[in-house]
Amino acid sequence: MNISHNDSDKNENMKNMIDHLFSRIEDYRSLTAVELGGLDWTYRQFGEMILQAGSWLGPLVNQRGCLVVPANTIHSIACFYGLVLAEKLPMLSDPTWGISEILDIASRLQTEIVVLDKRSSLASAEYTFKVISESPEMLVVRLPILPKREISVHKDAAFVRFTSGSSGRPKALQFDSRAAINAADNWLSGAKLSSKSRVLCLAGISNGLAFNTSLLPVFLSGAALILHDGPLLASPILNSAINSKATALVGFPFIYQLLLQSRKISTEHLANIKQFISSAAPLSNDIEVKWRDKFCIGIGSYYGLAEVGPVTFNPGEDIGGLGYPLKACSIKIVPDLKNERPIHDHGLVAVKTNSMALEYLSEDNHSINKNIDADGYFVTKDIGYLDHRAQLKISARVDRVLNIAGKKFSAEEIERVIKMAPGVSNVWVGLEQGKIDSFLVAYVETENSTDDEIKQFCLKTLKPAHVPDKIVAVRSLPKSVSGKTRSPFFK
């Protein structure tokens, strides 16, 4: 297959990504690229879909780019790469966002166009979109956003991804195509995929778990990407694994917990799968041990951030660790001066990769350089350490360490206790600003418990200093596509 675009009209950065992808499409043109619901597409067909998407969407999107609200379909993936090809800055969004969140982000980033997969929940939302174009699988809509200010787009930006929003509003990150190529190449140095690999991905394609492990790395290795068509329940997942003859499975920690709890699943059912990968949320040691005992294979994991891409890889050999640096990645532990943590103990994890974001995309010109030290390391908000074998382990996040009147404690520890209360399914604990001082607040997801009942449980089970000053019972807390609980202040 020949790429039907004019190289002279593309800058070197764009050409790098598109040509790299299409060279692999040509190499593997007769092999299966994507499978979904009993259907499959070859690499040649996938390449044709990308070209068609670029030709269709390019004229509809202005230079401010567009939000892409995907579903786990080949059409969403082709539209994303097609927009990169057309140089129209696709912003890969979380499909769990509601219309209020989409409007908020579109307003902040000054983009009016949204490309929606018709299988996404937002496409069926009770909201009247102004449709400007559509295909059998995708919608292109215009939002009522009136541009009021200029947002600075980096000259080399090829696409935008978002942070999870677990500690506030999701941040938009601009990447050049070389960052995507490098991230995929780094990942493949740890996870050994080949043209014989068949990767069953149970994560949403906008999430870092899927983006880092199952999109470009799969396509650059000539492997087949298998998209799950059905609910994330044990029986449908098992059917997908068996029917697709998957050799690798990528899923969030709760997927492995589901499979462990199912009495229908035996070692023989998953015998063809040689690699299990998890991340995005902490994978408990208990699940890892039980999985290894039952299936005689470990669950691989990795450490990465939206800003920098994948950093480490643990193929499943070590329980409780996040592995060792991937190719072209390095880690150091620096003092957490704000919380006075000594460097010989736990400190802030600082990482350097060749897949870092170019810059944030924001209306307040917040710069990623504020987080990068003199040696070029991105200083994270994760508190961790390197064990005696130099394997990375994470213990907490700075923004989850609460400080009230000089006393520091972990929000996650309080959340774990409150989750044990009768009728409580989820908790988010943080600080709210009062008229004079900050105070401790807990948002509690429950169907039938009252604020007072939860308060009484806290008084009986928590240290006095850890009892929230304010408890708010809610029907549901916002979550990202990976299942992470997001701050209730971003709704």
Protein backbone atom coordinates (compact mmCIF):
# COMPACT_ATOMS: atom_id res chain seq x y z
CA MET A 1 0.00 0.00 0.00
CA ASN A 2 1.23 3.48 -0.82
CA ILE A 3 0.49 6.43 1.44
CA SER A 4 -1.57 8.87 -0.58
CA HIS A 5 -0.53 12.11 1.06
CA ASN A 6 1.86 14.79 -0.04
CA ASP A 7 5.01 14.55 2.08
CA SER A 8 5.97 18.11 1.25
CA ASP A 9 2.84 19.32 3.02
CA LYS A 10 3.68 17.50 6.24
CA ASN A 11 6.33 18.51 8.71
CA GLU A 12 8.93 15.91 9.60
CA ASN A 13 7.25 15.14 12.92
CA MET A 14 3.93 14.17 11.33
CA LYS A 15 5.59 12.20 8.57
CA ASN A 16 7.59 10.25 11.13
CA MET A 17 4.53 8.80 12.83
CA ILE A 18 2.37 8.20 9.78
CA ASP A 19 5.16 6.76 7.64
CA HIS A 20 6.28 4.53 10.51
CA LEU A 21 2.79 3.14 10.93
CA PHE A 22 2.15 2.69 7.23
CA SER A 23 5.47 0.99 6.65
CA ARG A 24 4.31 -1.70 9.10
CA ILE A 25 0.89 -1.79 7.47
CA GLU A 26 2.64 -2.58 4.19
CA ASP A 27 4.86 -5.21 5.83
CA TYR A 28 1.92 -7.01 7.43
CA ARG A 29 -0.80 -6.13 4.90
CA SER A 30 -2.31 -9.64 4.70
CA LEU A 31 -2.27 -10.31 8.46
CA THR A 32 -5.15 -9.54 10.82
CA ALA A 33 -4.80 -6.12 12.44
CA VAL A 34 -8.02 -5.88 14.49
CA GLU A 35 -10.78 -8.27 15.55
CA LEU A 36 -14.11 -7.30 17.09
CA GLY A 37 -17.28 -9.28 17.59
CA GLY A 38 -16.46 -12.04 15.12
CA LEU A 39 -15.28 -9.61 12.44
CA ASP A 40 -11.68 -9.01 11.45
CA TRP A 41 -9.76 -6.48 9.37
CA THR A 42 -6.40 -6.98 7.74
CA TYR A 43 -3.60 -4.45 8.01
CA ARG A 44 -4.32 -3.39 4.43
CA GLN A 45 -7.99 -2.74 5.25
CA PHE A 46 -6.96 -0.90 8.43
CA GLY A 47 -4.64 1.37 6.42
CA GLU A 48 -7.41 2.14 3.94
CA MET A 49 -9.73 3.08 6.82
CA ILE A 50 -7.13 5.49 8.21
CA LEU A 51 -6.74 7.19 4.82
CA GLN A 52 -10.52 7.44 4.39
CA ALA A 53 -10.95 8.87 7.88
CA GLY A 54 -8.27 11.49 7.25
CA SER A 55 -9.87 12.53 3.95
CA TRP A 56 -13.32 12.75 5.55
CA LEU A 57 -12.48 14.46 8.84
CA GLY A 58 -9.65 16.74 7.73
CA PRO A 59 -11.85 19.38 6.04
CA LEU A 60 -14.32 19.36 8.96
CA VAL A 61 -11.85 20.22 11.73
CA ASN A 62 -10.05 23.52 12.19
CA GLN A 63 -6.51 23.97 13.46
CA ARG A 64 -7.62 24.07 17.10
CA GLY A 65 -8.19 20.33 16.82
CA CYS A 66 -11.14 18.25 18.00
CA LEU A 67 -12.19 16.01 20.84
CA VAL A 68 -12.43 12.33 19.92
CA VAL A 69 -14.85 10.37 22.10
CA PRO A 70 -14.08 6.75 21.25
CA ALA A 71 -15.52 3.34 21.81
CA ASN A 72 -13.39 0.21 21.57
CA THR A 73 -13.84 -0.13 17.83
CA ILE A 74 -11.56 -0.12 14.80
CA HIS A 75 -13.49 2.93 13.55
CA SER A 76 -12.45 5.04 16.56
CA ILE A 77 -8.83 3.94 16.14
CA ALA A 78 -8.85 4.70 12.41
CA CYS A 79 -10.36 8.14 13.03
CA PHE A 80 -7.68 8.95 15.60
CA TYR A 81 -4.84 8.07 13.21
CA GLY A 82 -6.69 9.68 10.32
CA LEU A 83 -6.84 12.97 12.19
CA VAL A 84 -3.11 12.71 12.96
CA LEU A 85 -2.56 12.16 9.23
CA ALA A 86 -4.67 15.25 8.44
CA GLU A 87 -2.75 17.31 11.04
CA LYS A 88 -5.94 18.17 12.93
CA LEU A 89 -4.78 17.51 16.50
CA PRO A 90 -7.11 14.76 17.78
CA MET A 91 -7.73 14.99 21.54
CA LEU A 92 -8.39 11.44 22.72
CA SER A 93 -11.05 11.80 25.40
CA ASP A 94 -12.35 9.60 28.20
CA PRO A 95 -15.64 8.03 26.99
CA THR A 96 -16.98 8.05 30.56
CA TRP A 97 -17.13 11.85 30.56
CA GLY A 98 -20.64 13.23 30.58
CA ILE A 99 -21.86 16.09 28.44
CA SER A 100 -21.12 18.67 31.18
CA GLU A 101 -17.50 17.49 31.32
CA ILE A 102 -17.17 17.54 27.52
CA LEU A 103 -18.56 21.08 27.38
CA ASP A 104 -16.22 22.20 30.17
CA ILE A 105 -13.11 20.75 28.52
CA ALA A 106 -14.09 21.93 25.04
CA SER A 107 -14.57 25.44 26.41
CA ARG A 108 -11.22 25.41 28.22
CA LEU A 109 -9.39 24.12 25.15
CA GLN A 110 -11.39 26.26 22.73
CA THR A 111 -12.41 23.46 20.41
CA GLU A 112 -15.88 23.22 18.90
CA ILE A 113 -15.75 19.90 17.06
CA VAL A 114 -16.28 16.47 18.60
CA VAL A 115 -15.89 13.19 16.76
CA LEU A 116 -18.10 10.61 18.45
CA ASP A 117 -18.18 6.87 18.05
CA LYS A 118 -21.86 5.92 17.84
CA ARG A 119 -21.20 3.07 20.26
CA SER A 120 -20.01 5.49 22.95
CA SER A 121 -22.41 6.36 25.78
CA LEU A 122 -22.15 10.07 24.95
CA ALA A 123 -23.61 9.48 21.48
CA SER A 124 -26.86 8.37 23.12
CA ALA A 125 -26.90 11.08 25.79
CA GLU A 126 -29.98 13.22 26.22
CA TYR A 127 -28.38 16.20 24.55
CA THR A 128 -29.16 17.75 21.18
CA PHE A 129 -25.93 17.79 19.21
CA LYS A 130 -25.58 19.80 16.03
CA VAL A 131 -24.47 17.06 13.64
CA ILE A 132 -22.35 18.34 10.78
CA SER A 133 -21.40 14.99 9.28
CA GLU A 134 -21.68 11.29 9.99
CA SER A 135 -20.77 7.82 8.81
CA PRO A 136 -22.49 4.55 9.73
CA GLU A 137 -20.20 4.29 12.77
CA MET A 138 -19.16 7.86 13.67
CA LEU A 139 -20.71 11.29 14.30
CA VAL A 140 -19.11 14.70 13.86
CA VAL A 141 -20.84 17.37 15.96
CA ARG A 142 -20.32 21.05 16.69
CA LEU A 143 -20.62 22.29 20.26
CA PRO A 144 -21.93 25.73 21.23
CA ILE A 145 -18.45 26.96 22.15
CA LEU A 146 -17.59 30.52 21.26
CA PRO A 147 -13.79 30.98 21.06
CA LYS A 148 -12.79 33.83 23.33
CA ARG A 149 -9.04 33.39 23.63
CA GLU A 150 -6.14 31.73 21.92
CA ILE A 151 -4.74 28.46 23.22
CA SER A 152 -1.09 27.93 22.44
CA VAL A 153 -0.69 24.73 20.41
CA HIS A 154 2.88 23.48 20.09
CA LYS A 155 4.09 23.54 16.50
CA ASP A 156 5.08 19.85 16.66
CA ALA A 157 1.95 18.58 18.42
CA ALA A 158 0.41 15.57 16.67
CA PHE A 159 -2.23 14.59 19.23
CA VAL A 160 -3.50 15.24 22.75
CA ARG A 161 -4.09 12.84 25.61
CA PHE A 162 -5.54 13.59 29.05
CA THR A 163 -4.54 12.76 32.60
CA SER A 164 -7.08 10.66 34.51
CA GLY A 165 -8.46 13.53 36.58
CA SER A 166 -8.23 11.46 39.77
CA SER A 167 -6.96 14.51 41.68
CA GLY A 168 -8.93 17.21 39.88
CA ARG A 169 -9.75 18.29 36.35
CA PRO A 170 -8.07 16.19 33.64
CA LYS A 171 -5.06 17.95 32.14
CA ALA A 172 -4.54 17.99 28.38
CA LEU A 173 -1.08 16.94 27.16
CA GLN A 174 0.39 17.63 23.72
CA PHE A 175 2.59 14.94 22.16
CA ASP A 176 4.60 14.81 18.97
CA SER A 177 4.57 11.65 16.93
CA ARG A 178 8.12 10.74 17.92
CA ALA A 179 6.96 10.43 21.53
CA ALA A 180 4.35 7.89 20.43
CA ILE A 181 6.88 5.94 18.35
CA ASN A 182 9.41 5.96 21.20
CA ALA A 183 6.82 4.91 23.78
CA ALA A 184 5.79 1.96 21.61
CA ASP A 185 9.41 0.99 20.96
CA ASN A 186 10.23 1.22 24.67
CA TRP A 187 7.24 -0.94 25.57
CA LEU A 188 8.20 -3.58 23.03
CA SER A 189 11.66 -3.81 24.61
CA GLY A 190 9.94 -5.27 27.68
CA ALA A 191 6.76 -6.90 26.39
CA LYS A 192 7.98 -9.07 23.55
CA LEU A 193 5.21 -8.93 20.95
CA SER A 194 5.51 -10.41 17.47
CA SER A 195 3.38 -10.91 14.38
CA LYS A 196 2.13 -14.13 15.99
CA SER A 197 0.84 -12.33 19.12
CA ARG A 198 -2.89 -11.86 19.65
CA VAL A 199 -3.59 -9.18 22.28
CA LEU A 200 -7.01 -9.13 23.94
CA CYS A 201 -7.42 -5.60 25.29
CA LEU A 202 -10.09 -5.05 27.94
CA ALA A 203 -9.15 -1.41 28.61
CA GLY A 204 -10.69 1.59 26.88
CA ILE A 205 -8.47 2.77 24.04
CA SER A 206 -8.17 6.28 25.45
CA ASN A 207 -6.73 5.00 28.71
CA GLY A 208 -2.99 4.81 29.19
CA LEU A 209 -3.13 1.05 29.79
CA ALA A 210 -4.51 0.43 26.29
CA PHE A 211 -2.67 3.32 24.62
CA ASN A 212 0.72 2.24 26.00
CA THR A 213 0.34 -1.51 25.49
CA SER A 214 -2.23 -2.29 22.84
CA LEU A 215 -2.36 0.29 20.06
CA LEU A 216 0.87 1.36 18.37
CA PRO A 217 2.98 -1.39 20.01
CA VAL A 218 0.62 -4.00 18.58
CA PHE A 219 0.55 -2.47 15.11
CA LEU A 220 4.31 -1.92 14.93
CA SER A 221 4.89 -5.59 15.76
CA GLY A 222 2.33 -6.94 13.28
CA ALA A 223 0.26 -8.50 16.07
CA ALA A 224 -3.53 -8.71 16.14
CA LEU A 225 -5.50 -6.41 18.44
CA ILE A 226 -8.62 -8.12 19.78
CA LEU A 227 -11.29 -5.76 21.08
CA HIS A 228 -13.76 -7.21 23.57
CA ASP A 229 -17.38 -6.98 22.41
CA GLY A 230 -19.57 -7.25 25.47
CA PRO A 231 -19.84 -6.43 29.17
CA LEU A 232 -16.80 -6.70 31.42
CA LEU A 233 -18.06 -9.78 33.23
CA ALA A 234 -16.24 -13.05 33.77
CA SER A 235 -18.20 -15.23 31.32
CA PRO A 236 -18.10 -12.81 28.33
CA ILE A 237 -14.39 -12.14 28.95
CA LEU A 238 -13.69 -15.87 29.07
CA ASN A 239 -15.59 -16.34 25.80
CA SER A 240 -13.55 -13.58 24.17
CA ALA A 241 -10.30 -15.13 25.37
CA ILE A 242 -11.21 -18.60 24.14
CA ASN A 243 -12.85 -17.65 20.83
CA SER A 244 -10.08 -15.22 19.84
CA LYS A 245 -7.27 -17.60 20.82
CA ALA A 246 -5.60 -14.67 22.56
CA THR A 247 -1.95 -15.04 23.57
CA ALA A 248 -1.91 -11.89 25.75
CA LEU A 249 -4.55 -10.24 27.92
CA VAL A 250 -4.52 -6.59 29.02
CA GLY A 251 -6.93 -5.50 31.74
CA PHE A 252 -7.39 -3.42 34.86
CA PRO A 253 -6.93 -5.03 38.31
CA PHE A 254 -10.66 -5.53 38.78
CA ILE A 255 -10.68 -7.78 35.69
CA TYR A 256 -8.30 -10.21 37.37
CA GLN A 257 -10.35 -10.10 40.54
CA LEU A 258 -13.48 -10.96 38.51
CA LEU A 259 -11.77 -13.88 36.82
CA LEU A 260 -10.41 -15.17 40.12
CA GLN A 261 -13.86 -15.11 41.71
CA SER A 262 -15.47 -17.02 38.84
CA ARG A 263 -15.95 -20.73 39.47
CA LYS A 264 -16.30 -21.36 35.74
CA ILE A 265 -12.72 -20.49 34.85
CA SER A 266 -9.96 -23.06 35.11
CA THR A 267 -6.30 -23.14 34.17
CA GLU A 268 -7.15 -24.92 30.91
CA HIS A 269 -9.40 -22.07 29.76
CA LEU A 270 -6.54 -19.55 29.81
CA ALA A 271 -3.72 -21.94 28.89
CA ASN A 272 -3.15 -20.24 25.51
CA ILE A 273 -2.44 -16.87 27.13
CA LYS A 274 1.25 -16.45 27.86
CA GLN A 275 1.18 -12.87 29.11
CA PHE A 276 -1.18 -11.03 31.46
CA ILE A 277 -0.76 -7.27 31.88
CA SER A 278 -2.36 -4.89 34.37
CA SER A 279 -1.87 -1.34 35.56
CA ALA A 280 -3.65 2.04 35.85
CA ALA A 281 -4.73 1.27 39.43
CA PRO A 282 -2.84 -0.62 42.14
CA LEU A 283 -2.84 -4.39 41.70
CA SER A 284 -3.04 -5.85 45.20
CA ASN A 285 -0.50 -8.42 46.36
CA ASP A 286 -3.39 -10.66 47.36
CA ILE A 287 -4.71 -10.83 43.79
CA GLU A 288 -1.21 -11.42 42.42
CA VAL A 289 -0.55 -14.31 44.81
CA LYS A 290 -3.92 -15.97 44.26
CA TRP A 291 -3.61 -15.57 40.46
CA ARG A 292 -0.17 -17.16 40.44
CA ASP A 293 -1.38 -20.01 42.66
CA LYS A 294 -4.41 -20.72 40.46
CA PHE A 295 -3.03 -20.19 36.95
CA CYS A 296 0.70 -20.83 37.50
CA ILE A 297 1.66 -17.55 35.83
CA GLY A 298 2.22 -14.04 37.16
CA ILE A 299 0.43 -10.82 36.20
CA GLY A 300 2.72 -8.31 34.53
CA SER A 301 2.55 -4.64 35.43
CA TYR A 302 4.31 -1.39 34.69
CA TYR A 303 4.76 2.15 35.92
CA GLY A 304 3.95 5.07 33.70
CA LEU A 305 2.38 8.51 33.66
CA ALA A 306 0.32 10.33 31.08
CA GLU A 307 3.05 12.97 30.86
CA VAL A 308 5.93 10.59 30.15
CA GLY A 309 4.58 7.29 28.81
CA PRO A 310 5.55 3.83 30.09
CA VAL A 311 8.65 3.81 32.29
CA THR A 312 9.11 0.35 33.82
CA PHE A 313 7.98 -3.21 33.14
CA ASN A 314 7.49 -6.19 35.41
CA PRO A 315 6.66 -9.29 33.34
CA GLY A 316 4.99 -10.88 36.34
CA GLU A 317 8.04 -12.33 38.01
CA ASP A 318 8.02 -10.15 41.13
CA ILE A 319 4.95 -9.66 43.33
CA GLY A 320 4.40 -6.12 44.59
CA GLY A 321 6.94 -4.46 42.32
CA LEU A 322 6.58 -2.37 39.19
CA GLY A 323 9.70 -3.71 37.53
CA TYR A 324 12.78 -2.13 36.04
CA PRO A 325 13.26 0.74 33.58
CA LEU A 326 12.40 0.09 29.95
CA LYS A 327 14.77 1.01 27.15
CA ALA A 328 15.58 4.75 27.05
CA CYS A 329 13.97 5.27 30.48
CA SER A 330 15.62 6.10 33.79
CA ILE A 331 14.46 6.65 37.37
CA LYS A 332 15.79 8.40 40.43
CA ILE A 333 14.35 9.13 43.87
CA VAL A 334 14.56 12.74 45.02
CA PRO A 335 13.79 14.30 48.42
CA ASP A 336 10.20 15.27 49.04
CA LEU A 337 11.12 18.56 50.68
CA LYS A 338 7.54 19.65 51.24
CA ASN A 339 6.78 16.55 53.31
CA GLU A 340 10.31 16.23 54.69
CA ARG A 341 10.92 12.70 53.48
CA PRO A 342 14.62 11.76 53.49
CA ILE A 343 16.15 10.55 50.24
CA HIS A 344 17.53 7.38 51.85
CA ASP A 345 13.95 6.35 52.67
CA HIS A 346 10.98 7.04 50.42
CA GLY A 347 11.03 10.08 48.17
CA LEU A 348 9.49 11.50 45.04
CA VAL A 349 9.85 9.35 41.94
CA ALA A 350 11.54 11.28 39.12
CA VAL A 351 11.65 9.79 35.61
CA LYS A 352 13.24 10.58 32.29
CA THR A 353 12.00 9.10 29.01
CA ASN A 354 12.16 9.88 25.30
CA SER A 355 8.37 9.77 25.14
CA MET A 356 7.55 12.82 27.26
CA ALA A 357 4.78 15.25 26.37
CA LEU A 358 5.79 18.46 24.64
CA GLU A 359 3.66 20.65 26.87
CA TYR A 360 0.29 20.97 28.55
CA LEU A 361 -2.52 22.45 26.48
CA SER A 362 -4.32 24.87 28.76
CA GLU A 363 -5.86 28.29 29.01
CA ASP A 364 -3.64 29.27 31.95
CA ASN A 365 -0.35 28.44 30.15
CA HIS A 366 0.62 25.98 32.88
CA SER A 367 3.99 24.59 31.78
CA ILE A 368 5.23 21.03 32.06
CA ASN A 369 8.71 22.49 32.63
CA LYS A 370 7.69 23.33 36.20
CA ASN A 371 7.86 19.60 36.91
CA ILE A 372 11.19 18.97 35.16
CA ASP A 373 14.43 19.31 37.12
CA ALA A 374 17.84 20.50 35.93
CA ASP A 375 18.77 16.99 34.74
CA GLY A 376 15.66 16.64 32.58
CA TYR A 377 13.76 14.36 34.97
CA PHE A 378 10.00 14.76 35.39
CA VAL A 379 9.39 14.88 39.14
CA THR A 380 6.15 13.04 39.82
CA LYS A 381 3.75 13.23 42.75
CA ASP A 382 4.31 9.58 43.51
CA ILE A 383 6.17 8.62 46.66
CA GLY A 384 8.26 5.50 46.23
CA TYR A 385 11.64 3.86 46.47
CA LEU A 386 13.98 1.47 44.69
CA ASP A 387 14.36 -1.83 46.51
CA HIS A 388 17.62 -3.73 46.98
CA ARG A 389 17.39 -4.98 43.38
CA ALA A 390 16.65 -1.45 42.05
CA GLN A 391 13.04 -2.39 41.32
CA LEU A 392 10.55 0.47 41.60
CA LYS A 393 7.91 0.36 44.31
CA ILE A 394 5.25 3.02 44.92
CA SER A 395 3.85 3.72 48.37
CA ALA A 396 1.62 6.81 47.99
CA ARG A 397 0.98 10.03 46.12
CA VAL A 398 1.90 13.47 47.44
CA ASP A 399 -1.52 14.85 46.57
CA ARG A 400 -3.05 12.02 48.61
CA VAL A 401 -0.96 12.94 51.67
CA LEU A 402 -3.13 15.33 53.65
CA ASN A 403 -1.72 17.99 55.97
CA ILE A 404 -3.96 19.48 58.64
CA ALA A 405 -2.43 21.67 61.32
CA GLY A 406 0.98 20.20 60.61
CA LYS A 407 -0.20 16.58 60.93
CA LYS A 408 0.25 14.44 57.81
CA PHE A 409 -1.72 11.32 56.97
CA SER A 410 -2.82 9.33 53.94
CA ALA A 411 -6.23 9.92 52.39
CA GLU A 412 -6.15 6.35 51.08
CA GLU A 413 -5.85 4.91 54.61
CA ILE A 414 -9.01 6.76 55.67
CA GLU A 415 -10.82 5.68 52.51
CA ARG A 416 -9.97 2.02 53.15
CA VAL A 417 -11.56 2.17 56.63
CA ILE A 418 -14.73 4.02 55.53
CA LYS A 419 -15.24 1.49 52.71
CA MET A 420 -15.79 -1.15 55.40
CA ALA A 421 -18.91 0.66 56.63
CA PRO A 422 -22.22 -1.12 55.88
CA GLY A 423 -23.72 -0.10 52.55
CA VAL A 424 -20.64 1.87 51.39
CA SER A 425 -19.27 1.02 47.94
CA ASN A 426 -16.74 3.80 47.31
CA VAL A 427 -15.11 6.77 49.06
CA TRP A 428 -13.11 9.86 48.14
CA VAL A 429 -11.36 11.77 50.95
CA GLY A 430 -9.72 15.16 50.56
CA LEU A 431 -9.47 18.71 51.82
CA GLU A 432 -11.93 21.54 51.28
CA GLN A 433 -11.14 25.14 51.96
CA GLY A 434 -13.20 26.79 54.68
CA LYS A 435 -13.44 30.48 55.51
CA ILE A 436 -10.30 30.24 57.64
CA ASP A 437 -8.68 26.80 57.35
CA SER A 438 -8.91 23.66 55.28
CA PHE A 439 -11.02 20.83 56.66
CA LEU A 440 -11.31 17.10 56.01
CA VAL A 441 -14.21 15.94 53.84
CA ALA A 442 -15.36 12.49 52.73
CA TYR A 443 -17.64 11.89 49.75
CA VAL A 444 -19.20 8.48 50.30
CA GLU A 445 -20.93 6.43 47.60
CA THR A 446 -23.87 4.61 49.17
CA GLU A 447 -27.40 3.55 48.33
CA ASN A 448 -28.96 3.65 51.78
CA SER A 449 -26.58 4.96 54.46
CA THR A 450 -27.04 8.47 55.84
CA ASP A 451 -24.37 11.07 56.56
CA ASP A 452 -24.93 10.58 60.29
CA GLU A 453 -24.65 6.76 60.12
CA ILE A 454 -21.34 7.03 58.29
CA LYS A 455 -20.14 9.65 60.78
CA GLN A 456 -20.90 7.32 63.67
CA PHE A 457 -18.98 4.51 61.97
CA CYS A 458 -16.00 6.83 61.51
CA LEU A 459 -16.06 7.88 65.16
CA LYS A 460 -15.89 4.21 66.19
CA THR A 461 -13.20 3.09 63.75
CA LEU A 462 -10.90 6.03 62.97
CA LYS A 463 -8.46 8.03 65.07
CA PRO A 464 -10.08 11.31 66.16
CA ALA A 465 -7.78 13.33 63.87
CA HIS A 466 -8.79 11.15 60.90
CA VAL A 467 -12.56 11.53 61.30
CA PRO A 468 -13.85 13.73 58.45
CA ASP A 469 -15.29 17.07 59.50
CA LYS A 470 -17.83 16.80 56.72
CA ILE A 471 -19.40 13.69 55.21
CA VAL A 472 -21.43 13.81 52.02
CA ALA A 473 -23.38 10.71 50.99
CA VAL A 474 -23.82 10.47 47.22
CA ARG A 475 -25.34 7.90 44.87
CA SER A 476 -22.21 7.69 42.73
CA LEU A 477 -18.70 9.13 42.50
CA PRO A 478 -17.16 10.06 39.13
CA LYS A 479 -14.73 7.52 37.70
CA SER A 480 -12.29 7.43 34.83
CA VAL A 481 -12.46 4.76 32.14
CA SER A 482 -9.88 2.75 34.12
CA GLY A 483 -12.12 2.67 37.16
CA LYS A 484 -10.13 5.22 39.15
CA THR A 485 -12.27 7.39 41.39
CA ARG A 486 -11.98 11.00 40.29
CA SER A 487 -12.26 14.07 42.46
CA PRO A 488 -15.94 14.90 42.97
CA PHE A 489 -15.05 18.54 42.32
CA PHE A 490 -14.84 17.69 38.60
CA LYS A 491 -18.32 16.61 37.54
